Amino acid sequence: HGDLWGGNVAEDDCGPIIFDPASFY
């Protein structure tokens, strides 16, 4: 994900969601 702090994770009724990534391998 690259920037996985608590402000970039969430959930809805179906399960977890991550967002605002700064990805790389």
PDBML (XML) file of the C-alpha atoms, coordinates in Angstrom:
<?xml version="1.0" encoding="UTF-8" ?>
<PDBx:datablock datablockName="MODEL"
   xmlns:PDBx="http://pdbml.pdb.org/schema/pdbx-v50.xsd"
   xmlns:xsi="http://www.w3.org/2001/XMLSchema-instance"
   xsi:schemaLocation="http://pdbml.pdb.org/schema/pdbx-v50.xsd pdbx-v50.xsd">
   <PDBx:atom_siteCategory>
      <PDBx:atom_site id="1">
         <PDBx:B_iso_or_equiv>0.00</PDBx:B_iso_or_equiv>
         <PDBx:Cartn_x>0.000</PDBx:Cartn_x>
         <PDBx:Cartn_y>0.000</PDBx:Cartn_y>
         <PDBx:Cartn_z>0.000</PDBx:Cartn_z>
         <PDBx:auth_asym_id>A</PDBx:auth_asym_id>
         <PDBx:auth_atom_id>CA</PDBx:auth_atom_id>
         <PDBx:auth_comp_id>HIS</PDBx:auth_comp_id>
         <PDBx:auth_seq_id>1</PDBx:auth_seq_id>
         <PDBx:group_PDB>ATOM</PDBx:group_PDB>
         <PDBx:label_alt_id xsi:nil="true" />
         <PDBx:label_asym_id>A</PDBx:label_asym_id>
         <PDBx:label_atom_id>CA</PDBx:label_atom_id>
         <PDBx:label_comp_id>HIS</PDBx:label_comp_id>
         <PDBx:label_entity_id>1</PDBx:label_entity_id>
         <PDBx:label_seq_id>1</PDBx:label_seq_id>
         <PDBx:occupancy>1.00</PDBx:occupancy>
         <PDBx:pdbx_PDB_model_num>1</PDBx:pdbx_PDB_model_num>
         <PDBx:type_symbol>C</PDBx:type_symbol>
      </PDBx:atom_site>
      <PDBx:atom_site id="2">
         <PDBx:B_iso_or_equiv>0.00</PDBx:B_iso_or_equiv>
         <PDBx:Cartn_x>2.898</PDBx:Cartn_x>
         <PDBx:Cartn_y>2.317</PDBx:Cartn_y>
         <PDBx:Cartn_z>0.862</PDBx:Cartn_z>
         <PDBx:auth_asym_id>A</PDBx:auth_asym_id>
         <PDBx:auth_atom_id>CA</PDBx:auth_atom_id>
         <PDBx:auth_comp_id>GLY</PDBx:auth_comp_id>
         <PDBx:auth_seq_id>2</PDBx:auth_seq_id>
         <PDBx:group_PDB>ATOM</PDBx:group_PDB>
         <PDBx:label_alt_id xsi:nil="true" />
         <PDBx:label_asym_id>A</PDBx:label_asym_id>
         <PDBx:label_atom_id>CA</PDBx:label_atom_id>
         <PDBx:label_comp_id>GLY</PDBx:label_comp_id>
         <PDBx:label_entity_id>1</PDBx:label_entity_id>
         <PDBx:label_seq_id>2</PDBx:label_seq_id>
         <PDBx:occupancy>1.00</PDBx:occupancy>
         <PDBx:pdbx_PDB_model_num>1</PDBx:pdbx_PDB_model_num>
         <PDBx:type_symbol>C</PDBx:type_symbol>
      </PDBx:atom_site>
      <PDBx:atom_site id="3">
         <PDBx:B_iso_or_equiv>0.00</PDBx:B_iso_or_equiv>
         <PDBx:Cartn_x>1.169</PDBx:Cartn_x>
         <PDBx:Cartn_y>4.716</PDBx:Cartn_y>
         <PDBx:Cartn_z>3.298</PDBx:Cartn_z>
         <PDBx:auth_asym_id>A</PDBx:auth_asym_id>
         <PDBx:auth_atom_id>CA</PDBx:auth_atom_id>
         <PDBx:auth_comp_id>ASP</PDBx:auth_comp_id>
         <PDBx:auth_seq_id>3</PDBx:auth_seq_id>
         <PDBx:group_PDB>ATOM</PDBx:group_PDB>
         <PDBx:label_alt_id xsi:nil="true" />
         <PDBx:label_asym_id>A</PDBx:label_asym_id>
         <PDBx:label_atom_id>CA</PDBx:label_atom_id>
         <PDBx:label_comp_id>ASP</PDBx:label_comp_id>
         <PDBx:label_entity_id>1</PDBx:label_entity_id>
         <PDBx:label_seq_id>3</PDBx:label_seq_id>
         <PDBx:occupancy>1.00</PDBx:occupancy>
         <PDBx:pdbx_PDB_model_num>1</PDBx:pdbx_PDB_model_num>
         <PDBx:type_symbol>C</PDBx:type_symbol>
      </PDBx:atom_site>
      <PDBx:atom_site id="4">
         <PDBx:B_iso_or_equiv>0.00</PDBx:B_iso_or_equiv>
         <PDBx:Cartn_x>-0.862</PDBx:Cartn_x>
         <PDBx:Cartn_y>2.448</PDBx:Cartn_y>
         <PDBx:Cartn_z>5.564</PDBx:Cartn_z>
         <PDBx:auth_asym_id>A</PDBx:auth_asym_id>
         <PDBx:auth_atom_id>CA</PDBx:auth_atom_id>
         <PDBx:auth_comp_id>LEU</PDBx:auth_comp_id>
         <PDBx:auth_seq_id>4</PDBx:auth_seq_id>
         <PDBx:group_PDB>ATOM</PDBx:group_PDB>
         <PDBx:label_alt_id xsi:nil="true" />
         <PDBx:label_asym_id>A</PDBx:label_asym_id>
         <PDBx:label_atom_id>CA</PDBx:label_atom_id>
         <PDBx:label_comp_id>LEU</PDBx:label_comp_id>
         <PDBx:label_entity_id>1</PDBx:label_entity_id>
         <PDBx:label_seq_id>4</PDBx:label_seq_id>
         <PDBx:occupancy>1.00</PDBx:occupancy>
         <PDBx:pdbx_PDB_model_num>1</PDBx:pdbx_PDB_model_num>
         <PDBx:type_symbol>C</PDBx:type_symbol>
      </PDBx:atom_site>
      <PDBx:atom_site id="5">
         <PDBx:B_iso_or_equiv>0.00</PDBx:B_iso_or_equiv>
         <PDBx:Cartn_x>-1.589</PDBx:Cartn_x>
         <PDBx:Cartn_y>4.655</PDBx:Cartn_y>
         <PDBx:Cartn_z>8.566</PDBx:Cartn_z>
         <PDBx:auth_asym_id>A</PDBx:auth_asym_id>
         <PDBx:auth_atom_id>CA</PDBx:auth_atom_id>
         <PDBx:auth_comp_id>TRP</PDBx:auth_comp_id>
         <PDBx:auth_seq_id>5</PDBx:auth_seq_id>
         <PDBx:group_PDB>ATOM</PDBx:group_PDB>
         <PDBx:label_alt_id xsi:nil="true" />
         <PDBx:label_asym_id>A</PDBx:label_asym_id>
         <PDBx:label_atom_id>CA</PDBx:label_atom_id>
         <PDBx:label_comp_id>TRP</PDBx:label_comp_id>
         <PDBx:label_entity_id>1</PDBx:label_entity_id>
         <PDBx:label_seq_id>5</PDBx:label_seq_id>
         <PDBx:occupancy>1.00</PDBx:occupancy>
         <PDBx:pdbx_PDB_model_num>1</PDBx:pdbx_PDB_model_num>
         <PDBx:type_symbol>C</PDBx:type_symbol>
      </PDBx:atom_site>
      <PDBx:atom_site id="6">
         <PDBx:B_iso_or_equiv>0.00</PDBx:B_iso_or_equiv>
         <PDBx:Cartn_x>-4.873</PDBx:Cartn_x>
         <PDBx:Cartn_y>4.566</PDBx:Cartn_y>
         <PDBx:Cartn_z>10.474</PDBx:Cartn_z>
         <PDBx:auth_asym_id>A</PDBx:auth_asym_id>
         <PDBx:auth_atom_id>CA</PDBx:auth_atom_id>
         <PDBx:auth_comp_id>GLY</PDBx:auth_comp_id>
         <PDBx:auth_seq_id>6</PDBx:auth_seq_id>
         <PDBx:group_PDB>ATOM</PDBx:group_PDB>
         <PDBx:label_alt_id xsi:nil="true" />
         <PDBx:label_asym_id>A</PDBx:label_asym_id>
         <PDBx:label_atom_id>CA</PDBx:label_atom_id>
         <PDBx:label_comp_id>GLY</PDBx:label_comp_id>
         <PDBx:label_entity_id>1</PDBx:label_entity_id>
         <PDBx:label_seq_id>6</PDBx:label_seq_id>
         <PDBx:occupancy>1.00</PDBx:occupancy>
         <PDBx:pdbx_PDB_model_num>1</PDBx:pdbx_PDB_model_num>
         <PDBx:type_symbol>C</PDBx:type_symbol>
      </PDBx:atom_site>
      <PDBx:atom_site id="7">
         <PDBx:B_iso_or_equiv>0.00</PDBx:B_iso_or_equiv>
         <PDBx:Cartn_x>-6.341</PDBx:Cartn_x>
         <PDBx:Cartn_y>7.430</PDBx:Cartn_y>
         <PDBx:Cartn_z>8.417</PDBx:Cartn_z>
         <PDBx:auth_asym_id>A</PDBx:auth_asym_id>
         <PDBx:auth_atom_id>CA</PDBx:auth_atom_id>
         <PDBx:auth_comp_id>GLY</PDBx:auth_comp_id>
         <PDBx:auth_seq_id>7</PDBx:auth_seq_id>
         <PDBx:group_PDB>ATOM</PDBx:group_PDB>
         <PDBx:label_alt_id xsi:nil="true" />
         <PDBx:label_asym_id>A</PDBx:label_asym_id>
         <PDBx:label_atom_id>CA</PDBx:label_atom_id>
         <PDBx:label_comp_id>GLY</PDBx:label_comp_id>
         <PDBx:label_entity_id>1</PDBx:label_entity_id>
         <PDBx:label_seq_id>7</PDBx:label_seq_id>
         <PDBx:occupancy>1.00</PDBx:occupancy>
         <PDBx:pdbx_PDB_model_num>1</PDBx:pdbx_PDB_model_num>
         <PDBx:type_symbol>C</PDBx:type_symbol>
      </PDBx:atom_site>
      <PDBx:atom_site id="8">
         <PDBx:B_iso_or_equiv>0.00</PDBx:B_iso_or_equiv>
         <PDBx:Cartn_x>-6.097</PDBx:Cartn_x>
         <PDBx:Cartn_y>5.355</PDBx:Cartn_y>
         <PDBx:Cartn_z>5.221</PDBx:Cartn_z>
         <PDBx:auth_asym_id>A</PDBx:auth_asym_id>
         <PDBx:auth_atom_id>CA</PDBx:auth_atom_id>
         <PDBx:auth_comp_id>ASN</PDBx:auth_comp_id>
         <PDBx:auth_seq_id>8</PDBx:auth_seq_id>
         <PDBx:group_PDB>ATOM</PDBx:group_PDB>
         <PDBx:label_alt_id xsi:nil="true" />
         <PDBx:label_asym_id>A</PDBx:label_asym_id>
         <PDBx:label_atom_id>CA</PDBx:label_atom_id>
         <PDBx:label_comp_id>ASN</PDBx:label_comp_id>
         <PDBx:label_entity_id>1</PDBx:label_entity_id>
         <PDBx:label_seq_id>8</PDBx:label_seq_id>
         <PDBx:occupancy>1.00</PDBx:occupancy>
         <PDBx:pdbx_PDB_model_num>1</PDBx:pdbx_PDB_model_num>
         <PDBx:type_symbol>C</PDBx:type_symbol>
      </PDBx:atom_site>
      <PDBx:atom_site id="9">
         <PDBx:B_iso_or_equiv>0.00</PDBx:B_iso_or_equiv>
         <PDBx:Cartn_x>-8.079</PDBx:Cartn_x>
         <PDBx:Cartn_y>2.326</PDBx:Cartn_y>
         <PDBx:Cartn_z>6.405</PDBx:Cartn_z>
         <PDBx:auth_asym_id>A</PDBx:auth_asym_id>
         <PDBx:auth_atom_id>CA</PDBx:auth_atom_id>
         <PDBx:auth_comp_id>VAL</PDBx:auth_comp_id>
         <PDBx:auth_seq_id>9</PDBx:auth_seq_id>
         <PDBx:group_PDB>ATOM</PDBx:group_PDB>
         <PDBx:label_alt_id xsi:nil="true" />
         <PDBx:label_asym_id>A</PDBx:label_asym_id>
         <PDBx:label_atom_id>CA</PDBx:label_atom_id>
         <PDBx:label_comp_id>VAL</PDBx:label_comp_id>
         <PDBx:label_entity_id>1</PDBx:label_entity_id>
         <PDBx:label_seq_id>9</PDBx:label_seq_id>
         <PDBx:occupancy>1.00</PDBx:occupancy>
         <PDBx:pdbx_PDB_model_num>1</PDBx:pdbx_PDB_model_num>
         <PDBx:type_symbol>C</PDBx:type_symbol>
      </PDBx:atom_site>
      <PDBx:atom_site id="10">
         <PDBx:B_iso_or_equiv>0.00</PDBx:B_iso_or_equiv>
         <PDBx:Cartn_x>-11.800</PDBx:Cartn_x>
         <PDBx:Cartn_y>1.927</PDBx:Cartn_y>
         <PDBx:Cartn_z>7.007</PDBx:Cartn_z>
         <PDBx:auth_asym_id>A</PDBx:auth_asym_id>
         <PDBx:auth_atom_id>CA</PDBx:auth_atom_id>
         <PDBx:auth_comp_id>ALA</PDBx:auth_comp_id>
         <PDBx:auth_seq_id>10</PDBx:auth_seq_id>
         <PDBx:group_PDB>ATOM</PDBx:group_PDB>
         <PDBx:label_alt_id xsi:nil="true" />
         <PDBx:label_asym_id>A</PDBx:label_asym_id>
         <PDBx:label_atom_id>CA</PDBx:label_atom_id>
         <PDBx:label_comp_id>ALA</PDBx:label_comp_id>
         <PDBx:label_entity_id>1</PDBx:label_entity_id>
         <PDBx:label_seq_id>10</PDBx:label_seq_id>
         <PDBx:occupancy>1.00</PDBx:occupancy>
         <PDBx:pdbx_PDB_model_num>1</PDBx:pdbx_PDB_model_num>
         <PDBx:type_symbol>C</PDBx:type_symbol>
      </PDBx:atom_site>
      <PDBx:atom_site id="11">
         <PDBx:B_iso_or_equiv>0.00</PDBx:B_iso_or_equiv>
         <PDBx:Cartn_x>-14.623</PDBx:Cartn_x>
         <PDBx:Cartn_y>-0.577</PDBx:Cartn_y>
         <PDBx:Cartn_z>6.702</PDBx:Cartn_z>
         <PDBx:auth_asym_id>A</PDBx:auth_asym_id>
         <PDBx:auth_atom_id>CA</PDBx:auth_atom_id>
         <PDBx:auth_comp_id>GLU</PDBx:auth_comp_id>
         <PDBx:auth_seq_id>11</PDBx:auth_seq_id>
         <PDBx:group_PDB>ATOM</PDBx:group_PDB>
         <PDBx:label_alt_id xsi:nil="true" />
         <PDBx:label_asym_id>A</PDBx:label_asym_id>
         <PDBx:label_atom_id>CA</PDBx:label_atom_id>
         <PDBx:label_comp_id>GLU</PDBx:label_comp_id>
         <PDBx:label_entity_id>1</PDBx:label_entity_id>
         <PDBx:label_seq_id>11</PDBx:label_seq_id>
         <PDBx:occupancy>1.00</PDBx:occupancy>
         <PDBx:pdbx_PDB_model_num>1</PDBx:pdbx_PDB_model_num>
         <PDBx:type_symbol>C</PDBx:type_symbol>
      </PDBx:atom_site>
      <PDBx:atom_site id="12">
         <PDBx:B_iso_or_equiv>0.00</PDBx:B_iso_or_equiv>
         <PDBx:Cartn_x>-18.188</PDBx:Cartn_x>
         <PDBx:Cartn_y>-0.931</PDBx:Cartn_y>
         <PDBx:Cartn_z>5.544</PDBx:Cartn_z>
         <PDBx:auth_asym_id>A</PDBx:auth_asym_id>
         <PDBx:auth_atom_id>CA</PDBx:auth_atom_id>
         <PDBx:auth_comp_id>ASP</PDBx:auth_comp_id>
         <PDBx:auth_seq_id>12</PDBx:auth_seq_id>
         <PDBx:group_PDB>ATOM</PDBx:group_PDB>
         <PDBx:label_alt_id xsi:nil="true" />
         <PDBx:label_asym_id>A</PDBx:label_asym_id>
         <PDBx:label_atom_id>CA</PDBx:label_atom_id>
         <PDBx:label_comp_id>ASP</PDBx:label_comp_id>
         <PDBx:label_entity_id>1</PDBx:label_entity_id>
         <PDBx:label_seq_id>12</PDBx:label_seq_id>
         <PDBx:occupancy>1.00</PDBx:occupancy>
         <PDBx:pdbx_PDB_model_num>1</PDBx:pdbx_PDB_model_num>
         <PDBx:type_symbol>C</PDBx:type_symbol>
      </PDBx:atom_site>
      <PDBx:atom_site id="13">
         <PDBx:B_iso_or_equiv>0.00</PDBx:B_iso_or_equiv>
         <PDBx:Cartn_x>-20.715</PDBx:Cartn_x>
         <PDBx:Cartn_y>-3.687</PDBx:Cartn_y>
         <PDBx:Cartn_z>6.210</PDBx:Cartn_z>
         <PDBx:auth_asym_id>A</PDBx:auth_asym_id>
         <PDBx:auth_atom_id>CA</PDBx:auth_atom_id>
         <PDBx:auth_comp_id>ASP</PDBx:auth_comp_id>
         <PDBx:auth_seq_id>13</PDBx:auth_seq_id>
         <PDBx:group_PDB>ATOM</PDBx:group_PDB>
         <PDBx:label_alt_id xsi:nil="true" />
         <PDBx:label_asym_id>A</PDBx:label_asym_id>
         <PDBx:label_atom_id>CA</PDBx:label_atom_id>
         <PDBx:label_comp_id>ASP</PDBx:label_comp_id>
         <PDBx:label_entity_id>1</PDBx:label_entity_id>
         <PDBx:label_seq_id>13</PDBx:label_seq_id>
         <PDBx:occupancy>1.00</PDBx:occupancy>
         <PDBx:pdbx_PDB_model_num>1</PDBx:pdbx_PDB_model_num>
         <PDBx:type_symbol>C</PDBx:type_symbol>
      </PDBx:atom_site>
      <PDBx:atom_site id="14">
         <PDBx:B_iso_or_equiv>0.00</PDBx:B_iso_or_equiv>
         <PDBx:Cartn_x>-18.964</PDBx:Cartn_x>
         <PDBx:Cartn_y>-5.963</PDBx:Cartn_y>
         <PDBx:Cartn_z>3.679</PDBx:Cartn_z>
         <PDBx:auth_asym_id>A</PDBx:auth_asym_id>
         <PDBx:auth_atom_id>CA</PDBx:auth_atom_id>
         <PDBx:auth_comp_id>CYS</PDBx:auth_comp_id>
         <PDBx:auth_seq_id>14</PDBx:auth_seq_id>
         <PDBx:group_PDB>ATOM</PDBx:group_PDB>
         <PDBx:label_alt_id xsi:nil="true" />
         <PDBx:label_asym_id>A</PDBx:label_asym_id>
         <PDBx:label_atom_id>CA</PDBx:label_atom_id>
         <PDBx:label_comp_id>CYS</PDBx:label_comp_id>
         <PDBx:label_entity_id>1</PDBx:label_entity_id>
         <PDBx:label_seq_id>14</PDBx:label_seq_id>
         <PDBx:occupancy>1.00</PDBx:occupancy>
         <PDBx:pdbx_PDB_model_num>1</PDBx:pdbx_PDB_model_num>
         <PDBx:type_symbol>C</PDBx:type_symbol>
      </PDBx:atom_site>
      <PDBx:atom_site id="15">
         <PDBx:B_iso_or_equiv>0.00</PDBx:B_iso_or_equiv>
         <PDBx:Cartn_x>-15.439</PDBx:Cartn_x>
         <PDBx:Cartn_y>-5.750</PDBx:Cartn_y>
         <PDBx:Cartn_z>5.120</PDBx:Cartn_z>
         <PDBx:auth_asym_id>A</PDBx:auth_asym_id>
         <PDBx:auth_atom_id>CA</PDBx:auth_atom_id>
         <PDBx:auth_comp_id>GLY</PDBx:auth_comp_id>
         <PDBx:auth_seq_id>15</PDBx:auth_seq_id>
         <PDBx:group_PDB>ATOM</PDBx:group_PDB>
         <PDBx:label_alt_id xsi:nil="true" />
         <PDBx:label_asym_id>A</PDBx:label_asym_id>
         <PDBx:label_atom_id>CA</PDBx:label_atom_id>
         <PDBx:label_comp_id>GLY</PDBx:label_comp_id>
         <PDBx:label_entity_id>1</PDBx:label_entity_id>
         <PDBx:label_seq_id>15</PDBx:label_seq_id>
         <PDBx:occupancy>1.00</PDBx:occupancy>
         <PDBx:pdbx_PDB_model_num>1</PDBx:pdbx_PDB_model_num>
         <PDBx:type_symbol>C</PDBx:type_symbol>
      </PDBx:atom_site>
      <PDBx:atom_site id="16">
         <PDBx:B_iso_or_equiv>0.00</PDBx:B_iso_or_equiv>
         <PDBx:Cartn_x>-12.280</PDBx:Cartn_x>
         <PDBx:Cartn_y>-3.636</PDBx:Cartn_y>
         <PDBx:Cartn_z>5.319</PDBx:Cartn_z>
         <PDBx:auth_asym_id>A</PDBx:auth_asym_id>
         <PDBx:auth_atom_id>CA</PDBx:auth_atom_id>
         <PDBx:auth_comp_id>PRO</PDBx:auth_comp_id>
         <PDBx:auth_seq_id>16</PDBx:auth_seq_id>
         <PDBx:group_PDB>ATOM</PDBx:group_PDB>
         <PDBx:label_alt_id xsi:nil="true" />
         <PDBx:label_asym_id>A</PDBx:label_asym_id>
         <PDBx:label_atom_id>CA</PDBx:label_atom_id>
         <PDBx:label_comp_id>PRO</PDBx:label_comp_id>
         <PDBx:label_entity_id>1</PDBx:label_entity_id>
         <PDBx:label_seq_id>16</PDBx:label_seq_id>
         <PDBx:occupancy>1.00</PDBx:occupancy>
         <PDBx:pdbx_PDB_model_num>1</PDBx:pdbx_PDB_model_num>
         <PDBx:type_symbol>C</PDBx:type_symbol>
      </PDBx:atom_site>
      <PDBx:atom_site id="17">
         <PDBx:B_iso_or_equiv>0.00</PDBx:B_iso_or_equiv>
         <PDBx:Cartn_x>-11.236</PDBx:Cartn_x>
         <PDBx:Cartn_y>-0.973</PDBx:Cartn_y>
         <PDBx:Cartn_z>2.802</PDBx:Cartn_z>
         <PDBx:auth_asym_id>A</PDBx:auth_asym_id>
         <PDBx:auth_atom_id>CA</PDBx:auth_atom_id>
         <PDBx:auth_comp_id>ILE</PDBx:auth_comp_id>
         <PDBx:auth_seq_id>17</PDBx:auth_seq_id>
         <PDBx:group_PDB>ATOM</PDBx:group_PDB>
         <PDBx:label_alt_id xsi:nil="true" />
         <PDBx:label_asym_id>A</PDBx:label_asym_id>
         <PDBx:label_atom_id>CA</PDBx:label_atom_id>
         <PDBx:label_comp_id>ILE</PDBx:label_comp_id>
         <PDBx:label_entity_id>1</PDBx:label_entity_id>
         <PDBx:label_seq_id>17</PDBx:label_seq_id>
         <PDBx:occupancy>1.00</PDBx:occupancy>
         <PDBx:pdbx_PDB_model_num>1</PDBx:pdbx_PDB_model_num>
         <PDBx:type_symbol>C</PDBx:type_symbol>
      </PDBx:atom_site>
      <PDBx:atom_site id="18">
         <PDBx:B_iso_or_equiv>0.00</PDBx:B_iso_or_equiv>
         <PDBx:Cartn_x>-7.849</PDBx:Cartn_x>
         <PDBx:Cartn_y>0.648</PDBx:Cartn_y>
         <PDBx:Cartn_z>2.263</PDBx:Cartn_z>
         <PDBx:auth_asym_id>A</PDBx:auth_asym_id>
         <PDBx:auth_atom_id>CA</PDBx:auth_atom_id>
         <PDBx:auth_comp_id>ILE</PDBx:auth_comp_id>
         <PDBx:auth_seq_id>18</PDBx:auth_seq_id>
         <PDBx:group_PDB>ATOM</PDBx:group_PDB>
         <PDBx:label_alt_id xsi:nil="true" />
         <PDBx:label_asym_id>A</PDBx:label_asym_id>
         <PDBx:label_atom_id>CA</PDBx:label_atom_id>
         <PDBx:label_comp_id>ILE</PDBx:label_comp_id>
         <PDBx:label_entity_id>1</PDBx:label_entity_id>
         <PDBx:label_seq_id>18</PDBx:label_seq_id>
         <PDBx:occupancy>1.00</PDBx:occupancy>
         <PDBx:pdbx_PDB_model_num>1</PDBx:pdbx_PDB_model_num>
         <PDBx:type_symbol>C</PDBx:type_symbol>
      </PDBx:atom_site>
      <PDBx:atom_site id="19">
         <PDBx:B_iso_or_equiv>0.00</PDBx:B_iso_or_equiv>
         <PDBx:Cartn_x>-7.355</PDBx:Cartn_x>
         <PDBx:Cartn_y>3.838</PDBx:Cartn_y>
         <PDBx:Cartn_z>0.248</PDBx:Cartn_z>
         <PDBx:auth_asym_id>A</PDBx:auth_asym_id>
         <PDBx:auth_atom_id>CA</PDBx:auth_atom_id>
         <PDBx:auth_comp_id>PHE</PDBx:auth_comp_id>
         <PDBx:auth_seq_id>19</PDBx:auth_seq_id>
         <PDBx:group_PDB>ATOM</PDBx:group_PDB>
         <PDBx:label_alt_id xsi:nil="true" />
         <PDBx:label_asym_id>A</PDBx:label_asym_id>
         <PDBx:label_atom_id>CA</PDBx:label_atom_id>
         <PDBx:label_comp_id>PHE</PDBx:label_comp_id>
         <PDBx:label_entity_id>1</PDBx:label_entity_id>
         <PDBx:label_seq_id>19</PDBx:label_seq_id>
         <PDBx:occupancy>1.00</PDBx:occupancy>
         <PDBx:pdbx_PDB_model_num>1</PDBx:pdbx_PDB_model_num>
         <PDBx:type_symbol>C</PDBx:type_symbol>
      </PDBx:atom_site>
      <PDBx:atom_site id="20">
         <PDBx:B_iso_or_equiv>0.00</PDBx:B_iso_or_equiv>
         <PDBx:Cartn_x>-4.915</PDBx:Cartn_x>
         <PDBx:Cartn_y>6.671</PDBx:Cartn_y>
         <PDBx:Cartn_z>-0.612</PDBx:Cartn_z>
         <PDBx:auth_asym_id>A</PDBx:auth_asym_id>
         <PDBx:auth_atom_id>CA</PDBx:auth_atom_id>
         <PDBx:auth_comp_id>ASP</PDBx:auth_comp_id>
         <PDBx:auth_seq_id>20</PDBx:auth_seq_id>
         <PDBx:group_PDB>ATOM</PDBx:group_PDB>
         <PDBx:label_alt_id xsi:nil="true" />
         <PDBx:label_asym_id>A</PDBx:label_asym_id>
         <PDBx:label_atom_id>CA</PDBx:label_atom_id>
         <PDBx:label_comp_id>ASP</PDBx:label_comp_id>
         <PDBx:label_entity_id>1</PDBx:label_entity_id>
         <PDBx:label_seq_id>20</PDBx:label_seq_id>
         <PDBx:occupancy>1.00</PDBx:occupancy>
         <PDBx:pdbx_PDB_model_num>1</PDBx:pdbx_PDB_model_num>
         <PDBx:type_symbol>C</PDBx:type_symbol>
      </PDBx:atom_site>
      <PDBx:atom_site id="21">
         <PDBx:B_iso_or_equiv>0.00</PDBx:B_iso_or_equiv>
         <PDBx:Cartn_x>-2.131</PDBx:Cartn_x>
         <PDBx:Cartn_y>4.218</PDBx:Cartn_y>
         <PDBx:Cartn_z>-1.568</PDBx:Cartn_z>
         <PDBx:auth_asym_id>A</PDBx:auth_asym_id>
         <PDBx:auth_atom_id>CA</PDBx:auth_atom_id>
         <PDBx:auth_comp_id>PRO</PDBx:auth_comp_id>
         <PDBx:auth_seq_id>21</PDBx:auth_seq_id>
         <PDBx:group_PDB>ATOM</PDBx:group_PDB>
         <PDBx:label_alt_id xsi:nil="true" />
         <PDBx:label_asym_id>A</PDBx:label_asym_id>
         <PDBx:label_atom_id>CA</PDBx:label_atom_id>
         <PDBx:label_comp_id>PRO</PDBx:label_comp_id>
         <PDBx:label_entity_id>1</PDBx:label_entity_id>
         <PDBx:label_seq_id>21</PDBx:label_seq_id>
         <PDBx:occupancy>1.00</PDBx:occupancy>
         <PDBx:pdbx_PDB_model_num>1</PDBx:pdbx_PDB_model_num>
         <PDBx:type_symbol>C</PDBx:type_symbol>
      </PDBx:atom_site>
      <PDBx:atom_site id="22">
         <PDBx:B_iso_or_equiv>0.00</PDBx:B_iso_or_equiv>
         <PDBx:Cartn_x>1.419</PDBx:Cartn_x>
         <PDBx:Cartn_y>5.128</PDBx:Cartn_y>
         <PDBx:Cartn_z>-2.631</PDBx:Cartn_z>
         <PDBx:auth_asym_id>A</PDBx:auth_asym_id>
         <PDBx:auth_atom_id>CA</PDBx:auth_atom_id>
         <PDBx:auth_comp_id>ALA</PDBx:auth_comp_id>
         <PDBx:auth_seq_id>22</PDBx:auth_seq_id>
         <PDBx:group_PDB>ATOM</PDBx:group_PDB>
         <PDBx:label_alt_id xsi:nil="true" />
         <PDBx:label_asym_id>A</PDBx:label_asym_id>
         <PDBx:label_atom_id>CA</PDBx:label_atom_id>
         <PDBx:label_comp_id>ALA</PDBx:label_comp_id>
         <PDBx:label_entity_id>1</PDBx:label_entity_id>
         <PDBx:label_seq_id>22</PDBx:label_seq_id>
         <PDBx:occupancy>1.00</PDBx:occupancy>
         <PDBx:pdbx_PDB_model_num>1</PDBx:pdbx_PDB_model_num>
         <PDBx:type_symbol>C</PDBx:type_symbol>
      </PDBx:atom_site>
      <PDBx:atom_site id="23">
         <PDBx:B_iso_or_equiv>0.00</PDBx:B_iso_or_equiv>
         <PDBx:Cartn_x>2.243</PDBx:Cartn_x>
         <PDBx:Cartn_y>1.680</PDBx:Cartn_y>
         <PDBx:Cartn_z>-3.944</PDBx:Cartn_z>
         <PDBx:auth_asym_id>A</PDBx:auth_asym_id>
         <PDBx:auth_atom_id>CA</PDBx:auth_atom_id>
         <PDBx:auth_comp_id>SER</PDBx:auth_comp_id>
         <PDBx:auth_seq_id>23</PDBx:auth_seq_id>
         <PDBx:group_PDB>ATOM</PDBx:group_PDB>
         <PDBx:label_alt_id xsi:nil="true" />
         <PDBx:label_asym_id>A</PDBx:label_asym_id>
         <PDBx:label_atom_id>CA</PDBx:label_atom_id>
         <PDBx:label_comp_id>SER</PDBx:label_comp_id>
         <PDBx:label_entity_id>1</PDBx:label_entity_id>
         <PDBx:label_seq_id>23</PDBx:label_seq_id>
         <PDBx:occupancy>1.00</PDBx:occupancy>
         <PDBx:pdbx_PDB_model_num>1</PDBx:pdbx_PDB_model_num>
         <PDBx:type_symbol>C</PDBx:type_symbol>
      </PDBx:atom_site>
      <PDBx:atom_site id="24">
         <PDBx:B_iso_or_equiv>0.00</PDBx:B_iso_or_equiv>
         <PDBx:Cartn_x>5.444</PDBx:Cartn_x>
         <PDBx:Cartn_y>-0.002</PDBx:Cartn_y>
         <PDBx:Cartn_z>-5.038</PDBx:Cartn_z>
         <PDBx:auth_asym_id>A</PDBx:auth_asym_id>
         <PDBx:auth_atom_id>CA</PDBx:auth_atom_id>
         <PDBx:auth_comp_id>PHE</PDBx:auth_comp_id>
         <PDBx:auth_seq_id>24</PDBx:auth_seq_id>
         <PDBx:group_PDB>ATOM</PDBx:group_PDB>
         <PDBx:label_alt_id xsi:nil="true" />
         <PDBx:label_asym_id>A</PDBx:label_asym_id>
         <PDBx:label_atom_id>CA</PDBx:label_atom_id>
         <PDBx:label_comp_id>PHE</PDBx:label_comp_id>
         <PDBx:label_entity_id>1</PDBx:label_entity_id>
         <PDBx:label_seq_id>24</PDBx:label_seq_id>
         <PDBx:occupancy>1.00</PDBx:occupancy>
         <PDBx:pdbx_PDB_model_num>1</PDBx:pdbx_PDB_model_num>
         <PDBx:type_symbol>C</PDBx:type_symbol>
      </PDBx:atom_site>
      <PDBx:atom_site id="25">
         <PDBx:B_iso_or_equiv>0.00</PDBx:B_iso_or_equiv>
         <PDBx:Cartn_x>6.999</PDBx:Cartn_x>
         <PDBx:Cartn_y>-3.455</PDBx:Cartn_y>
         <PDBx:Cartn_z>-4.812</PDBx:Cartn_z>
         <PDBx:auth_asym_id>A</PDBx:auth_asym_id>
         <PDBx:auth_atom_id>CA</PDBx:auth_atom_id>
         <PDBx:auth_comp_id>TYR</PDBx:auth_comp_id>
         <PDBx:auth_seq_id>25</PDBx:auth_seq_id>
         <PDBx:group_PDB>ATOM</PDBx:group_PDB>
         <PDBx:label_alt_id xsi:nil="true" />
         <PDBx:label_asym_id>A</PDBx:label_asym_id>
         <PDBx:label_atom_id>CA</PDBx:label_atom_id>
         <PDBx:label_comp_id>TYR</PDBx:label_comp_id>
         <PDBx:label_entity_id>1</PDBx:label_entity_id>
         <PDBx:label_seq_id>25</PDBx:label_seq_id>
         <PDBx:occupancy>1.00</PDBx:occupancy>
         <PDBx:pdbx_PDB_model_num>1</PDBx:pdbx_PDB_model_num>
         <PDBx:type_symbol>C</PDBx:type_symbol>
      </PDBx:atom_site>
   </PDBx:atom_siteCategory>
</PDBx:datablock>
